[in-house]
Amino acid sequence: MEVMFLVSRVESSSLLRAFLRACVRGQVDYCCFLTGPAAALALDPDIGALLKTATRSAVCEHSWERFGSGECLVPLGSQTENSALTATTHHIVSL
């Protein structure tokens, strides 16, 4: 994986959108893990659509229980998945 976006802040949503669009345009292999309050970003239809273009994406299941609502449109994962993504990624962008 070329780039991993590790997102823990809801305030990073506009940056995340811009970075994900840039990855799509540049055909960059990317993944994303949403955790903490940023789990709620999975409710954003634009971010959800962009995450579908990712090689892998996940929302921390415990964070979703706390900050999400209803059915999550992004696969739920654990911090173990976060670690696995980190181990296979060349660059990590933390937002």
Protein backbone atom coordinates (compact mmCIF):
# COMPACT_ATOMS: atom_id res chain seq x y z
CA MET A 1 0.00 0.00 0.00
CA GLU A 2 1.35 3.42 -0.85
CA VAL A 3 -0.54 5.68 1.59
CA MET A 4 -2.59 5.08 4.71
CA PHE A 5 -4.86 7.76 6.14
CA LEU A 6 -5.30 7.34 9.88
CA VAL A 7 -8.10 9.68 10.87
CA SER A 8 -9.11 10.46 14.44
CA ARG A 9 -10.51 14.00 14.17
CA VAL A 10 -13.84 14.97 12.63
CA GLU A 11 -12.37 18.41 11.90
CA SER A 12 -10.10 16.75 9.34
CA SER A 13 -12.98 15.91 7.01
CA SER A 14 -12.20 18.55 4.37
CA LEU A 15 -8.51 17.55 4.28
CA LEU A 16 -9.45 13.88 4.07
CA ARG A 17 -11.78 14.53 1.13
CA ALA A 18 -9.06 16.48 -0.69
CA PHE A 19 -6.41 13.81 -0.07
CA LEU A 20 -8.69 10.95 -1.12
CA ARG A 21 -9.72 12.77 -4.32
CA ALA A 22 -6.04 13.39 -5.09
CA CYS A 23 -5.29 9.68 -4.61
CA VAL A 24 -8.13 8.73 -6.95
CA ARG A 25 -6.95 11.22 -9.60
CA GLY A 26 -3.34 10.09 -9.29
CA GLN A 27 -4.27 6.41 -9.14
CA VAL A 28 -2.45 6.05 -5.83
CA ASP A 29 -3.02 2.83 -3.88
CA TYR A 30 -4.43 3.94 -0.51
CA CYS A 31 -6.24 2.72 2.58
CA CYS A 32 -8.00 4.48 5.43
CA PHE A 33 -8.76 3.74 9.07
CA LEU A 34 -11.27 5.93 10.93
CA THR A 35 -11.07 5.90 14.71
CA GLY A 36 -12.27 7.92 17.68
CA PRO A 37 -14.72 10.71 16.85
CA ALA A 38 -13.72 10.45 13.17
CA ALA A 39 -15.69 7.20 12.98
CA ALA A 40 -18.70 9.46 12.42
CA LEU A 41 -17.16 10.51 9.06
CA ALA A 42 -18.35 7.16 7.70
CA LEU A 43 -21.83 8.73 7.73
CA ASP A 44 -20.73 11.36 5.19
CA PRO A 45 -21.91 10.14 1.75
CA ASP A 46 -19.01 11.83 -0.08
CA ILE A 47 -16.36 10.31 2.19
CA GLY A 48 -18.15 6.95 2.06
CA ALA A 49 -18.05 6.96 -1.74
CA LEU A 50 -14.36 7.87 -1.74
CA LEU A 51 -13.57 5.13 0.78
CA LYS A 52 -15.15 2.60 -1.59
CA THR A 53 -12.33 3.39 -4.02
CA ALA A 54 -9.70 2.57 -1.38
CA THR A 55 -7.83 -0.72 -1.49
CA ARG A 56 -8.95 -1.20 2.11
CA SER A 57 -10.87 0.94 4.54
CA ALA A 58 -12.26 0.33 8.00
CA VAL A 59 -13.91 2.06 10.92
CA CYS A 60 -12.91 1.13 14.46
CA GLU A 61 -15.85 -0.92 15.70
CA HIS A 62 -15.62 0.46 19.25
CA SER A 63 -15.49 4.03 17.96
CA TRP A 64 -18.50 3.34 15.72
CA GLU A 65 -20.49 2.18 18.75
CA ARG A 66 -19.64 5.43 20.49
CA PHE A 67 -19.72 8.01 17.65
CA GLY A 68 -21.67 6.40 14.78
CA SER A 69 -25.33 5.64 14.36
CA GLY A 70 -27.17 2.92 12.54
CA GLU A 71 -25.54 0.65 10.01
CA CYS A 72 -22.00 1.60 9.02
CA LEU A 73 -21.45 1.74 5.26
CA VAL A 74 -17.70 1.22 5.72
CA PRO A 75 -16.45 -2.14 7.01
CA LEU A 76 -15.94 -2.26 10.76
CA GLY A 77 -12.52 -3.30 12.00
CA SER A 78 -10.41 -3.48 15.09
CA GLN A 79 -7.20 -1.82 16.18
CA THR A 80 -5.54 -5.06 15.07
CA GLU A 81 -6.60 -4.21 11.51
CA ASN A 82 -5.22 -0.71 12.03
CA SER A 83 -1.87 -2.28 12.96
CA ALA A 84 -1.95 -4.61 9.95
CA LEU A 85 -2.62 -1.70 7.58
CA THR A 86 0.18 0.28 9.20
CA ALA A 87 2.61 -2.60 8.72
CA THR A 88 1.91 -2.84 4.98
CA THR A 89 1.95 0.88 4.13
CA HIS A 90 4.82 2.99 2.82
CA HIS A 91 3.49 6.38 4.03
CA ILE A 92 1.09 7.22 6.87
CA VAL A 93 -0.87 10.46 7.01
CA SER A 94 -2.41 11.05 10.42
CA LEU A 95 -5.33 13.48 10.53
